[in-house]
Protein backbone atom coordinates (compact mmCIF):
# COMPACT_ATOMS: atom_id res chain seq x y z
CA MET A 1 41.32 -68.46 -63.83
CA PRO A 2 39.54 -70.14 -60.78
CA LEU A 3 41.91 -68.99 -58.51
CA ILE A 4 42.01 -65.76 -59.65
CA ALA A 5 38.14 -65.57 -60.20
CA LEU A 6 38.00 -67.52 -56.27
CA ALA A 7 40.07 -64.37 -54.62
CA ILE A 8 37.90 -62.09 -56.90
CA VAL A 9 34.41 -63.57 -55.40
CA GLY A 10 36.44 -63.43 -52.20
CA GLY A 11 37.19 -60.41 -52.04
CA SER A 12 33.41 -59.70 -53.42
CA ILE A 13 32.03 -61.91 -50.19
CA TYR A 14 34.55 -59.16 -47.89
CA GLN A 15 33.59 -56.19 -49.85
CA ALA A 16 30.01 -57.22 -49.17
CA ASN A 17 30.94 -58.75 -45.36
CA GLU A 18 32.24 -55.41 -44.71
CA ALA A 19 29.55 -53.34 -46.22
CA ARG A 20 26.77 -55.50 -44.27
CA ARG A 21 28.92 -54.70 -40.92
CA ALA A 22 29.39 -51.27 -41.88
CA ARG A 23 25.79 -50.59 -42.53
CA LYS A 24 24.74 -52.78 -39.56
CA GLY A 25 26.92 -50.50 -37.39
CA ALA A 26 25.37 -47.20 -39.17
CA GLU A 27 22.28 -48.81 -38.70
CA GLU A 28 23.01 -49.38 -34.59
CA GLN A 29 24.86 -45.89 -34.18
CA GLN A 30 21.88 -44.14 -35.75
CA THR A 31 19.41 -46.53 -33.76
CA ARG A 32 21.80 -44.89 -30.32
CA ALA A 33 21.65 -41.39 -31.61
CA LEU A 34 18.17 -41.26 -32.13
CA MET A 35 17.01 -43.08 -28.28
CA GLN A 36 19.79 -40.56 -26.67
CA GLN A 37 18.21 -38.19 -28.28
CA GLN A 38 14.60 -39.20 -27.31
CA ARG A 39 16.00 -39.37 -23.42
CA ASP A 40 17.23 -36.26 -24.28
CA ALA A 41 13.97 -34.96 -24.85
CA ALA A 42 12.15 -36.54 -22.70
CA ALA A 43 14.60 -34.63 -19.80
CA MET A 44 14.33 -31.86 -21.60
CA ARG A 45 10.12 -32.10 -20.84
CA ASN A 46 10.73 -33.04 -17.78
CA GLU A 47 12.84 -30.04 -16.59
CA LEU A 48 10.37 -27.61 -18.58
CA ALA A 49 7.69 -29.10 -16.55
CA LYS A 50 9.23 -28.84 -13.33
CA GLN A 51 10.14 -24.55 -14.73
CA THR A 52 6.74 -24.43 -15.71
CA LEU A 53 4.78 -25.77 -12.14
CA GLU A 54 7.65 -23.41 -10.19
CA TYR A 55 6.52 -20.16 -11.92
CA SER A 56 2.80 -21.18 -11.89
CA LYS A 57 3.56 -21.21 -7.81
CA GLN A 58 6.13 -18.19 -8.40
CA GLY A 59 2.45 -16.13 -9.70
CA ALA A 60 -0.04 -16.85 -7.50
CA SER A 61 2.97 -15.96 -4.45
CA LEU A 62 2.91 -13.21 -5.94
CA GLU A 63 -0.94 -12.58 -7.07
CA GLN A 64 -1.71 -13.69 -3.18
CA GLN A 65 0.73 -10.64 -2.03
CA ALA A 66 -0.48 -8.26 -4.78
CA LYS A 67 -4.58 -8.78 -2.89
CA LEU A 68 -2.98 -8.78 0.62
CA ALA A 69 -1.41 -5.60 -0.42
CA LYS A 70 -4.67 -3.85 -2.10
CA GLN A 71 -6.69 -5.20 1.08
CA GLN A 72 -3.81 -3.33 3.63
CA PHE A 73 -4.45 -0.63 1.26
CA GLU A 74 -8.19 -0.45 1.07
CA THR A 75 -8.63 -0.77 5.30
CA ALA A 76 -5.50 1.80 5.64
CA GLN A 77 -8.03 4.10 2.48
CA LEU A 78 -10.81 3.76 4.95
CA GLN A 79 -9.16 3.99 7.93
CA TYR A 80 -7.82 7.34 6.91
CA GLY A 81 -11.75 8.18 5.56
CA GLU A 82 -13.06 7.16 8.84
CA ASN A 83 -10.37 9.49 10.65
CA LYS A 84 -10.45 12.40 8.77
CA ALA A 85 -14.06 12.26 8.80
CA SER A 86 -13.88 12.55 12.94
CA MET A 87 -11.09 15.20 12.74
CA GLU A 88 -13.71 16.77 10.61
CA ALA A 89 -16.49 16.80 12.94
CA LYS A 90 -14.16 17.62 16.04
CA ALA A 91 -12.98 20.15 13.66
CA LYS A 92 -16.59 21.61 13.45
CA GLU A 93 -17.76 20.71 17.93
CA VAL A 94 -14.58 22.88 18.13
CA GLN A 95 -15.55 25.75 16.25
CA ALA A 96 -19.08 25.77 17.10
CA ALA A 97 -17.93 26.30 20.89
CA ALA A 98 -15.72 28.53 20.07
CA GLU A 99 -17.90 31.02 17.90
CA GLU A 100 -20.40 29.73 21.65
CA GLU A 101 -17.79 31.76 23.52
CA ARG A 102 -16.96 34.26 21.75
CA ARG A 103 -21.03 35.05 21.84
CA LYS A 104 -21.48 34.59 25.08
CA ALA A 105 -17.86 37.31 25.30
CA ALA A 106 -19.48 39.32 23.20
CA ALA A 107 -22.99 39.00 25.14
CA SER A 108 -21.52 39.26 28.44
CA GLU A 109 -19.39 42.93 27.35
CA ALA A 110 -22.62 44.17 25.69
CA SER A 111 -24.49 43.73 28.79
CA ALA A 112 -21.91 45.20 30.77
CA LEU A 113 -20.93 47.87 28.63
CA LYS A 114 -24.81 48.89 29.00
CA ALA A 115 -25.07 48.17 32.60
CA ARG A 116 -22.07 50.95 32.87
CA THR A 117 -24.01 53.44 29.96
CA ARG A 118 -27.25 54.59 30.17
CA GLY A 119 -28.70 56.40 27.62
CA GLY A 120 -25.76 58.29 25.56
CA ARG A 121 -22.27 58.43 27.54
CA ARG A 122 -23.06 58.78 31.22
CA SER A 123 -21.37 56.31 33.39
CA LEU A 124 -24.41 54.91 35.43
CA LEU A 125 -21.54 52.47 37.30
CA SER A 126 -17.74 52.87 37.54
CA GLN A 127 -15.66 50.03 36.75
CA ALA A 128 -14.26 49.32 39.70
CA ARG A 129 -17.35 49.11 41.53
CA MET A 130 -17.98 45.74 38.81
CA ASP A 131 -15.60 43.86 40.85
CA SER A 132 -17.49 41.65 43.05
CA GLU A 133 -14.70 40.48 45.57
CA LEU A 134 -12.98 43.96 46.45
CA GLY A 135 -16.87 45.76 45.99
CA ILE A 136 -16.08 49.53 46.24
CA SER A 137 -12.36 50.37 46.23
CA SER A 138 -12.94 54.16 45.71
CA THR A 139 -13.25 56.42 48.01
CA THR A 140 -15.39 59.14 46.70
CA LEU A 141 -19.30 58.32 45.91
CA GLY A 142 -21.30 59.94 43.67
CA ALA A 143 -20.56 63.29 42.89
CA GLY A 144 -17.27 63.43 44.93
CA MET A 145 -17.89 63.18 48.47
CA MET A 146 -15.81 61.28 50.42
CA VAL A 147 -16.55 57.89 52.48
CA GLN A 148 -14.97 58.11 55.83
């Protein structure tokens, strides 16, 4: 019986030793898994930090582009306003000059008409005599007298 007891005690010691080894192996495996998880989490945090930095750079670049586009738009609007005002001023000047020209032409025509007629429809000067270059081109004078 001492042999059986020794076998039982030896078997119990062996099982306890195997259980201890299995527990140590499980602890080491858990420790390795936790370490790997920590390394993975740190790598993930680093990657997220890099992406965040890259996105902030892109955001700043886009913001700068938007500001530049806004400034260009405002400059174009200002130039458009200046050009429009200038064109309107020129149009007013041209219109005023044309109106003045029309007024002068109308006054000249009225003056010529007044010079040709005196009191009613009696013609004072012939239209042919109005031309200063040609002078008198008609061969008749006044009441039908012939010029020789």
